[in-house]
N, C-alpha and C. Protein backbone atom coordinates (compact mmCIF):
# COMPACT_ATOMS: atom_id res chain seq x y z
N UNK A 1 22.99 59.09 263.62
CA UNK A 1 22.59 60.02 264.67
C UNK A 1 23.43 59.81 265.93
N UNK A 2 23.67 58.56 266.30
CA UNK A 2 24.41 58.29 267.53
C UNK A 2 25.85 58.78 267.41
N UNK A 3 26.42 58.74 266.21
CA UNK A 3 27.80 59.20 266.06
C UNK A 3 27.93 60.69 266.40
N UNK A 4 26.87 61.44 266.25
CA UNK A 4 26.91 62.86 266.62
C UNK A 4 27.09 63.02 268.13
N UNK A 5 26.44 62.16 268.89
CA UNK A 5 26.64 62.18 270.34
C UNK A 5 28.07 61.81 270.68
N UNK A 6 28.61 60.88 269.92
CA UNK A 6 30.00 60.46 270.14
C UNK A 6 30.94 61.65 269.95
N UNK A 7 30.71 62.45 268.92
CA UNK A 7 31.55 63.63 268.67
C UNK A 7 31.39 64.65 269.79
N UNK A 8 30.15 64.85 270.23
CA UNK A 8 29.90 65.82 271.30
C UNK A 8 30.55 65.35 272.60
N UNK A 9 30.42 64.08 272.91
CA UNK A 9 31.04 63.55 274.12
C UNK A 9 32.56 63.64 274.04
N UNK A 10 33.10 63.44 272.84
CA UNK A 10 34.55 63.59 272.64
C UNK A 10 34.97 65.02 272.94
N UNK A 11 34.17 65.99 272.48
CA UNK A 11 34.46 67.39 272.74
C UNK A 11 34.43 67.72 274.22
N UNK A 12 33.45 67.19 274.91
CA UNK A 12 33.36 67.41 276.36
C UNK A 12 34.59 66.83 277.05
N UNK A 13 34.99 65.64 276.65
CA UNK A 13 36.14 64.98 277.25
C UNK A 13 37.44 65.74 276.95
N UNK A 14 37.61 66.19 275.72
CA UNK A 14 38.80 66.96 275.36
C UNK A 14 38.90 68.21 276.23
N UNK A 15 37.80 68.93 276.35
CA UNK A 15 37.80 70.13 277.18
C UNK A 15 38.14 69.82 278.62
N UNK A 16 37.54 68.77 279.16
CA UNK A 16 37.77 68.42 280.56
C UNK A 16 39.22 68.02 280.80
N UNK A 17 39.78 67.25 279.90
CA UNK A 17 41.15 66.76 280.07
C UNK A 17 42.18 67.86 279.85
N UNK A 18 41.96 68.70 278.84
CA UNK A 18 43.01 69.62 278.40
C UNK A 18 42.90 71.05 278.92
N UNK A 19 41.77 71.44 279.45
CA UNK A 19 41.56 72.84 279.82
C UNK A 19 41.41 73.01 281.33
N UNK A 20 42.34 73.73 281.92
CA UNK A 20 42.32 73.97 283.36
C UNK A 20 41.06 74.72 283.78
N UNK A 21 40.69 75.74 283.02
CA UNK A 21 39.51 76.53 283.38
C UNK A 21 38.25 75.67 283.42
N UNK A 22 38.13 74.73 282.50
CA UNK A 22 36.96 73.86 282.51
C UNK A 22 36.97 72.97 283.74
N UNK A 23 38.14 72.47 284.12
CA UNK A 23 38.22 71.66 285.34
C UNK A 23 37.76 72.48 286.55
N UNK A 24 38.19 73.73 286.62
CA UNK A 24 37.78 74.59 287.73
C UNK A 24 36.26 74.82 287.73
N UNK A 25 35.69 75.00 286.55
CA UNK A 25 34.25 75.20 286.46
C UNK A 25 33.50 73.93 286.87
N UNK A 26 34.01 72.76 286.48
CA UNK A 26 33.39 71.51 286.89
C UNK A 26 33.45 71.34 288.40
N UNK A 27 34.60 71.66 288.99
CA UNK A 27 34.75 71.56 290.45
C UNK A 27 33.77 72.51 291.13
N UNK A 28 33.66 73.74 290.63
CA UNK A 28 32.72 74.72 291.19
C UNK A 28 31.28 74.21 291.08
N UNK A 29 30.96 73.60 289.98
CA UNK A 29 29.62 73.06 289.77
C UNK A 29 29.30 71.98 290.79
N UNK A 30 30.22 71.04 290.95
CA UNK A 30 30.01 69.95 291.91
C UNK A 30 29.88 70.50 293.33
N UNK A 31 30.74 71.46 293.67
CA UNK A 31 30.68 72.06 295.01
C UNK A 31 29.36 72.79 295.24
N UNK A 32 28.93 73.57 294.27
CA UNK A 32 27.68 74.34 294.42
C UNK A 32 26.48 73.40 294.54
N UNK A 33 26.43 72.40 293.68
CA UNK A 33 25.30 71.47 293.73
C UNK A 33 25.34 70.63 295.01
N UNK A 34 26.54 70.19 295.38
CA UNK A 34 26.68 69.42 296.61
C UNK A 34 26.29 70.23 297.83
N UNK A 35 26.70 71.48 297.87
CA UNK A 35 26.35 72.36 298.97
C UNK A 35 24.85 72.61 298.99
N UNK A 36 24.27 72.79 297.83
CA UNK A 36 22.83 72.98 297.75
C UNK A 36 22.06 71.79 298.28
N UNK A 37 22.51 70.61 297.94
CA UNK A 37 21.86 69.39 298.44
C UNK A 37 22.06 69.28 299.95
N UNK A 38 23.28 69.53 300.41
CA UNK A 38 23.59 69.46 301.84
C UNK A 38 22.74 70.45 302.64
N UNK A 39 22.54 71.64 302.09
CA UNK A 39 21.78 72.67 302.80
C UNK A 39 20.26 72.49 302.66
N UNK A 40 19.86 71.48 301.93
CA UNK A 40 18.42 71.21 301.81
C UNK A 40 17.69 72.10 300.84
N UNK A 41 18.37 72.54 299.81
CA UNK A 41 17.71 73.37 298.79
C UNK A 41 16.60 72.57 298.11
N UNK A 42 15.60 73.28 297.66
CA UNK A 42 14.49 72.64 296.94
C UNK A 42 14.97 72.17 295.57
N UNK A 43 14.15 71.35 294.95
CA UNK A 43 14.50 70.87 293.61
C UNK A 43 14.56 72.03 292.61
N UNK A 44 13.73 73.03 292.80
CA UNK A 44 13.77 74.21 291.93
C UNK A 44 15.09 74.96 292.13
N UNK A 45 15.51 75.14 293.37
CA UNK A 45 16.77 75.84 293.64
C UNK A 45 17.96 75.06 293.08
N UNK A 46 17.95 73.74 293.25
CA UNK A 46 19.03 72.91 292.69
C UNK A 46 19.02 73.01 291.17
N UNK A 47 17.84 73.02 290.58
CA UNK A 47 17.72 73.14 289.12
C UNK A 47 18.29 74.47 288.64
N UNK A 48 17.98 75.54 289.37
CA UNK A 48 18.50 76.86 288.98
C UNK A 48 20.02 76.88 289.10
N UNK A 49 20.56 76.33 290.19
CA UNK A 49 22.02 76.24 290.34
C UNK A 49 22.62 75.44 289.19
N UNK A 50 21.98 74.32 288.86
CA UNK A 50 22.48 73.48 287.76
C UNK A 50 22.43 74.17 286.41
N UNK A 51 21.35 74.89 286.17
CA UNK A 51 21.23 75.61 284.90
C UNK A 51 22.27 76.71 284.77
N UNK A 52 22.47 77.46 285.84
CA UNK A 52 23.46 78.53 285.76
C UNK A 52 24.87 77.95 285.61
N UNK A 53 25.13 76.84 286.29
CA UNK A 53 26.45 76.20 286.16
C UNK A 53 26.64 75.65 284.75
N UNK A 54 25.59 75.07 284.17
CA UNK A 54 25.72 74.55 282.81
C UNK A 54 25.90 75.68 281.80
N UNK A 55 25.32 76.84 282.08
CA UNK A 55 25.55 78.00 281.21
C UNK A 55 27.02 78.40 281.24
N UNK A 56 27.61 78.46 282.43
CA UNK A 56 29.03 78.81 282.55
C UNK A 56 29.89 77.78 281.83
N UNK A 57 29.62 76.51 282.05
CA UNK A 57 30.40 75.46 281.37
C UNK A 57 30.27 75.58 279.85
N UNK A 58 29.05 75.79 279.39
CA UNK A 58 28.83 75.91 277.94
C UNK A 58 29.59 77.10 277.37
N UNK A 59 29.54 78.22 278.06
CA UNK A 59 30.26 79.40 277.58
C UNK A 59 31.77 79.15 277.57
N UNK A 60 32.26 78.43 278.55
CA UNK A 60 33.70 78.13 278.59
C UNK A 60 34.09 77.23 277.43
N UNK A 61 33.24 76.28 277.07
CA UNK A 61 33.51 75.43 275.90
C UNK A 61 33.52 76.27 274.62
N UNK A 62 32.56 77.19 274.48
CA UNK A 62 32.53 78.06 273.31
C UNK A 62 33.79 78.93 273.28
N UNK A 63 34.16 79.49 274.42
CA UNK A 63 35.36 80.31 274.50
C UNK A 63 36.60 79.51 274.10
N UNK A 64 36.71 78.30 274.60
CA UNK A 64 37.85 77.45 274.27
C UNK A 64 37.88 77.15 272.77
N UNK A 65 36.70 76.89 272.21
CA UNK A 65 36.63 76.61 270.76
C UNK A 65 37.09 77.81 269.95
N UNK A 66 36.65 78.99 270.33
CA UNK A 66 37.04 80.22 269.63
C UNK A 66 38.54 80.44 269.75
N UNK A 67 39.08 80.24 270.93
CA UNK A 67 40.52 80.42 271.12
C UNK A 67 41.31 79.44 270.27
N UNK A 68 40.90 78.18 270.25
CA UNK A 68 41.63 77.18 269.46
C UNK A 68 41.54 77.47 267.96
N UNK A 69 40.36 77.83 267.50
CA UNK A 69 40.21 78.14 266.08
C UNK A 69 41.00 79.39 265.72
N UNK A 70 40.96 80.38 266.58
CA UNK A 70 41.72 81.61 266.32
C UNK A 70 43.22 81.33 266.25
N UNK A 71 43.69 80.48 267.14
CA UNK A 71 45.12 80.13 267.12
C UNK A 71 45.49 79.33 265.88
N UNK A 72 44.55 78.58 265.35
CA UNK A 72 44.79 77.82 264.12
C UNK A 72 44.84 78.75 262.92
N UNK A 73 43.99 79.76 262.93
CA UNK A 73 43.95 80.72 261.82
C UNK A 73 45.24 81.51 261.76
N UNK A 74 45.69 82.00 262.93
CA UNK A 74 46.92 82.78 262.95
C UNK A 74 47.42 82.93 264.38
N UNK A 75 48.71 82.72 264.55
CA UNK A 75 49.34 82.96 265.84
C UNK A 75 49.87 84.38 265.94
N UNK A 76 49.83 85.10 264.82
CA UNK A 76 50.26 86.49 264.84
C UNK A 76 49.24 87.33 265.59
N UNK A 77 49.73 88.40 266.20
CA UNK A 77 48.81 89.31 266.90
C UNK A 77 48.01 90.09 265.86
N UNK A 78 46.71 90.04 266.04
CA UNK A 78 45.83 90.77 265.14
C UNK A 78 44.68 91.32 265.97
N UNK A 79 44.31 92.58 265.76
CA UNK A 79 43.25 93.19 266.57
C UNK A 79 41.92 92.44 266.52
N UNK A 80 41.54 91.91 265.37
CA UNK A 80 40.26 91.22 265.27
C UNK A 80 40.27 89.90 266.04
N UNK A 81 41.39 89.18 265.97
CA UNK A 81 41.49 87.93 266.72
C UNK A 81 41.51 88.24 268.21
N UNK A 82 42.26 89.27 268.61
CA UNK A 82 42.29 89.67 270.02
C UNK A 82 40.89 90.02 270.50
N UNK A 83 40.17 90.82 269.71
CA UNK A 83 38.82 91.22 270.09
C UNK A 83 37.89 90.02 270.17
N UNK A 84 38.01 89.10 269.23
CA UNK A 84 37.17 87.90 269.23
C UNK A 84 37.40 87.08 270.49
N UNK A 85 38.66 86.88 270.84
CA UNK A 85 38.98 86.13 272.06
C UNK A 85 38.49 86.86 273.31
N UNK A 86 38.66 88.17 273.33
CA UNK A 86 38.22 88.96 274.48
C UNK A 86 36.69 88.94 274.62
N UNK A 87 35.98 89.00 273.50
CA UNK A 87 34.53 88.94 273.55
C UNK A 87 34.05 87.60 274.11
N UNK A 88 34.68 86.53 273.66
CA UNK A 88 34.31 85.20 274.15
C UNK A 88 34.62 85.06 275.64
N UNK A 89 35.78 85.58 276.05
CA UNK A 89 36.14 85.55 277.47
C UNK A 89 35.16 86.40 278.27
N UNK A 90 34.73 87.51 277.71
CA UNK A 90 33.74 88.36 278.38
C UNK A 90 32.42 87.64 278.58
N UNK A 91 32.03 86.83 277.61
CA UNK A 91 30.79 86.05 277.74
C UNK A 91 30.89 85.07 278.91
N UNK A 92 32.05 84.44 279.06
CA UNK A 92 32.27 83.54 280.19
C UNK A 92 32.20 84.31 281.50
N UNK A 93 32.82 85.48 281.53
CA UNK A 93 32.81 86.29 282.74
C UNK A 93 31.39 86.70 283.13
N UNK A 94 30.61 87.12 282.16
CA UNK A 94 29.22 87.51 282.44
C UNK A 94 28.44 86.33 283.00
N UNK A 95 28.57 85.17 282.37
CA UNK A 95 27.88 83.97 282.86
C UNK A 95 28.35 83.59 284.26
N UNK A 96 29.65 83.73 284.51
CA UNK A 96 30.21 83.39 285.82
C UNK A 96 29.71 84.34 286.91
N UNK A 97 29.66 85.61 286.60
CA UNK A 97 29.14 86.59 287.57
C UNK A 97 27.66 86.30 287.85
N UNK A 98 26.92 86.02 286.81
CA UNK A 98 25.51 85.67 287.00
C UNK A 98 25.34 84.43 287.86
N UNK A 99 26.16 83.42 287.62
CA UNK A 99 26.09 82.19 288.41
C UNK A 99 26.48 82.46 289.86
N UNK A 100 27.47 83.31 290.07
CA UNK A 100 27.88 83.64 291.43
C UNK A 100 26.76 84.38 292.17
N UNK A 101 26.09 85.28 291.48
CA UNK A 101 24.98 86.01 292.10
C UNK A 101 23.85 85.04 292.44
N UNK A 102 23.50 84.19 291.51
CA UNK A 102 22.44 83.20 291.75
C UNK A 102 22.83 82.30 292.92
N UNK A 103 24.08 81.83 292.91
CA UNK A 103 24.56 80.99 294.01
C UNK A 103 24.49 81.70 295.34
N UNK A 104 24.88 82.96 295.37
CA UNK A 104 24.84 83.72 296.62
C UNK A 104 23.39 83.93 297.09
N UNK A 105 22.49 84.18 296.16
CA UNK A 105 21.09 84.39 296.53
C UNK A 105 20.43 83.11 297.05
N UNK A 106 20.79 81.98 296.45
CA UNK A 106 20.19 80.72 296.86
C UNK A 106 20.90 80.13 298.08
N UNK A 107 22.22 80.09 298.04
CA UNK A 107 22.97 79.42 299.11
C UNK A 107 23.29 80.34 300.29
N UNK A 108 23.43 81.63 300.02
CA UNK A 108 23.83 82.58 301.06
C UNK A 108 22.96 82.57 302.30
N UNK A 109 21.66 82.74 302.15
CA UNK A 109 20.80 82.75 303.34
C UNK A 109 20.85 81.43 304.13
N UNK A 110 20.93 80.32 303.42
CA UNK A 110 20.99 79.02 304.09
C UNK A 110 22.33 78.84 304.82
N UNK A 111 23.40 79.31 304.20
CA UNK A 111 24.71 79.27 304.87
C UNK A 111 24.72 80.18 306.08
N UNK A 112 24.11 81.34 305.97
CA UNK A 112 24.07 82.30 307.08
C UNK A 112 23.34 81.69 308.28
N UNK A 113 22.21 81.05 308.03
CA UNK A 113 21.46 80.40 309.11
C UNK A 113 22.29 79.27 309.73
N UNK A 114 22.97 78.52 308.88
CA UNK A 114 23.82 77.42 309.39
C UNK A 114 24.93 77.96 310.26
N UNK A 115 25.55 79.05 309.85
CA UNK A 115 26.64 79.65 310.63
C UNK A 115 26.13 80.25 311.94
N UNK A 116 24.96 80.85 311.91
CA UNK A 116 24.39 81.43 313.13
C UNK A 116 24.03 80.38 314.16
N UNK A 117 23.63 79.21 313.68
CA UNK A 117 23.22 78.12 314.56
C UNK A 117 24.39 77.23 314.97
N UNK A 118 25.57 77.51 314.48
CA UNK A 118 26.72 76.65 314.79
C UNK A 118 27.29 76.94 316.16
């Protein structure tokens, strides 16, 4: 059972080391959570920020997996492979937009008050 965690952790590490987009998502996650803590967000708000960020990260890992597998199957241009990659990228985009909206709704008002009082 523990070896399964080892494989999963290896996958997380591979993505973090080799994929620029995942690094950017991790940086965004740390910034959003850090800003939420700095602004005094409640534990529920921090949890929501964390959940939406983990959704984006998870979708990016799935997207990366699909891209790698598709490239292994064939490097030739094929409409089905193109569509598969585009669908996976679209899932990441949807999750990212959702996370941005959630972040704006939670952090926006607190940032606005901070800026007004500065």
